Amino acid sequence: MSIDLKTRELPPNIVAMTLTGRLILGKQLSEVEHAIRQRIQQGTRKLVLDFSGLDYIDSSGIGVVAVCIGVMQRSGGTLAVVVAEGHVKRFLELTRLDRVVRTYPDLPSART
């Protein structure tokens, strides 16, 4: 299964990137990282990664999220993650990434 990435702008000045599928090592993971970094370089300072549609994330996916959190913080912005109950949430907790990035149960909650 491939990863699908959709980007949309939400008021006030928030960019939401919705990912569905599997965020795993490979070319598509590199493309996702490039898309996130490009948004940050273009001036996005409030970014929400919506993982509620992810079926699976591996350690490479977690690594990309961690790197992008650092890039956003150095740019003076904030990055948040929407994550539903299940494997992805447990993996964020296991790696303690949930202590570094704010997580929300749904997109409307992340917009506040």
Protein backbone atom coordinates (compact mmCIF):
# COMPACT_ATOMS: atom_id res chain seq x y z
CA MET A 1 0.00 0.00 0.00
CA SER A 2 1.25 3.46 -0.81
CA ILE A 3 1.12 6.66 1.19
CA ASP A 4 -1.28 9.38 0.16
CA LEU A 5 -0.59 12.99 1.17
CA LYS A 6 -3.12 15.79 0.93
CA THR A 7 -2.37 19.34 1.99
CA ARG A 8 -4.87 22.04 2.81
CA GLU A 9 -4.87 25.40 4.50
CA LEU A 10 -7.10 26.04 7.49
CA PRO A 11 -7.83 29.28 9.26
CA PRO A 12 -6.05 30.84 11.05
CA ASN A 13 -2.81 30.29 9.09
CA ILE A 14 -2.60 26.54 9.69
CA VAL A 15 -1.43 24.00 7.14
CA ALA A 16 -2.83 20.49 7.58
CA MET A 17 -1.11 17.58 5.88
CA THR A 18 -3.27 14.45 5.93
CA LEU A 19 -1.47 11.15 5.43
CA THR A 20 -3.18 7.85 4.73
CA GLY A 21 -1.66 4.44 4.20
CA ARG A 22 1.70 3.28 5.54
CA LEU A 23 4.52 5.67 6.48
CA ILE A 24 7.51 3.37 6.05
CA LEU A 25 11.07 3.36 4.74
CA GLY A 26 11.23 4.01 1.03
CA LYS A 27 11.00 6.59 -1.70
CA GLN A 28 7.57 7.80 -0.61
CA LEU A 29 8.83 8.53 2.91
CA SER A 30 11.51 10.76 1.38
CA GLU A 31 8.84 12.52 -0.66
CA VAL A 32 6.75 13.12 2.46
CA GLU A 33 9.76 14.56 4.29
CA HIS A 34 10.55 16.80 1.30
CA ALA A 35 6.93 18.06 1.19
CA ILE A 36 6.98 18.92 4.90
CA ARG A 37 10.36 20.64 4.71
CA GLN A 38 9.26 22.57 1.62
CA ARG A 39 6.19 23.90 3.45
CA ILE A 40 8.35 25.03 6.36
CA GLN A 41 10.82 26.72 3.99
CA GLN A 42 7.90 28.51 2.32
CA GLY A 43 6.99 30.10 5.64
CA THR A 44 4.48 27.76 7.26
CA ARG A 45 4.73 28.24 11.02
CA LYS A 46 1.70 26.21 12.14
CA LEU A 47 1.66 22.69 10.74
CA VAL A 48 -0.58 19.79 11.66
CA LEU A 49 0.28 16.29 10.49
CA ASP A 50 -2.95 14.30 10.43
CA PHE A 51 -2.02 10.66 10.99
CA SER A 52 -5.57 9.51 11.78
CA GLY A 53 -5.66 7.70 8.42
CA LEU A 54 -2.31 5.95 8.80
CA ASP A 55 -2.45 2.16 9.04
CA TYR A 56 1.18 1.81 10.06
CA ILE A 57 4.34 3.77 10.80
CA ASP A 58 7.83 2.31 11.20
CA SER A 59 10.95 3.67 12.89
CA SER A 60 11.96 5.46 9.69
CA GLY A 61 8.62 7.30 9.68
CA ILE A 62 9.09 8.22 13.34
CA GLY A 63 12.57 9.50 12.49
CA VAL A 64 11.24 11.75 9.74
CA VAL A 65 8.62 13.18 12.10
CA ALA A 66 11.30 13.85 14.73
CA VAL A 67 13.54 15.60 12.20
CA CYS A 68 10.65 17.74 10.92
CA ILE A 69 9.74 18.72 14.49
CA GLY A 70 13.29 20.02 14.92
CA VAL A 71 13.25 21.87 11.60
CA MET A 72 9.95 23.54 12.54
CA GLN A 73 11.18 24.49 16.02
CA ARG A 74 14.34 26.06 14.58
CA SER A 75 12.11 28.05 12.22
CA GLY A 76 10.11 29.41 15.14
CA GLY A 77 6.95 27.46 14.39
CA THR A 78 4.89 24.68 15.88
CA LEU A 79 4.10 21.23 14.61
CA ALA A 80 1.29 19.07 15.98
CA VAL A 81 0.12 15.55 15.20
CA VAL A 82 -3.39 14.15 14.97
CA VAL A 83 -3.33 10.49 15.90
CA ALA A 84 -6.16 8.04 16.49
CA GLU A 85 -6.07 5.11 18.90
CA GLY A 86 -4.11 2.16 17.59
CA HIS A 87 -0.65 1.19 16.37
CA VAL A 88 0.50 4.65 15.35
CA LYS A 89 -0.43 6.20 18.69
CA ARG A 90 1.22 3.35 20.61
CA PHE A 91 4.40 3.74 18.55
CA LEU A 92 4.51 7.49 19.23
CA GLU A 93 4.16 6.71 22.95
CA LEU A 94 6.74 3.89 22.88
CA THR A 95 9.32 6.14 21.23
CA ARG A 96 8.27 9.01 23.55
CA LEU A 97 7.78 11.26 20.57
CA ASP A 98 4.40 12.15 22.08
CA ARG A 99 6.36 14.02 24.77
CA VAL A 100 8.10 16.18 22.16
CA VAL A 101 5.13 17.03 19.95
CA ARG A 102 1.57 17.90 20.88
CA THR A 103 -0.88 15.20 19.86
CA TYR A 104 -4.61 15.55 19.34
CA PRO A 105 -7.41 13.03 18.77
CA ASP A 106 -8.82 14.88 15.74
CA LEU A 107 -8.16 17.77 13.40
CA PRO A 108 -10.65 20.24 14.95
CA SER A 109 -8.90 19.84 18.33
CA ALA A 110 -5.50 20.51 16.74
CA ARG A 111 -6.67 23.82 15.29
CA THR A 112 -7.05 25.45 18.70
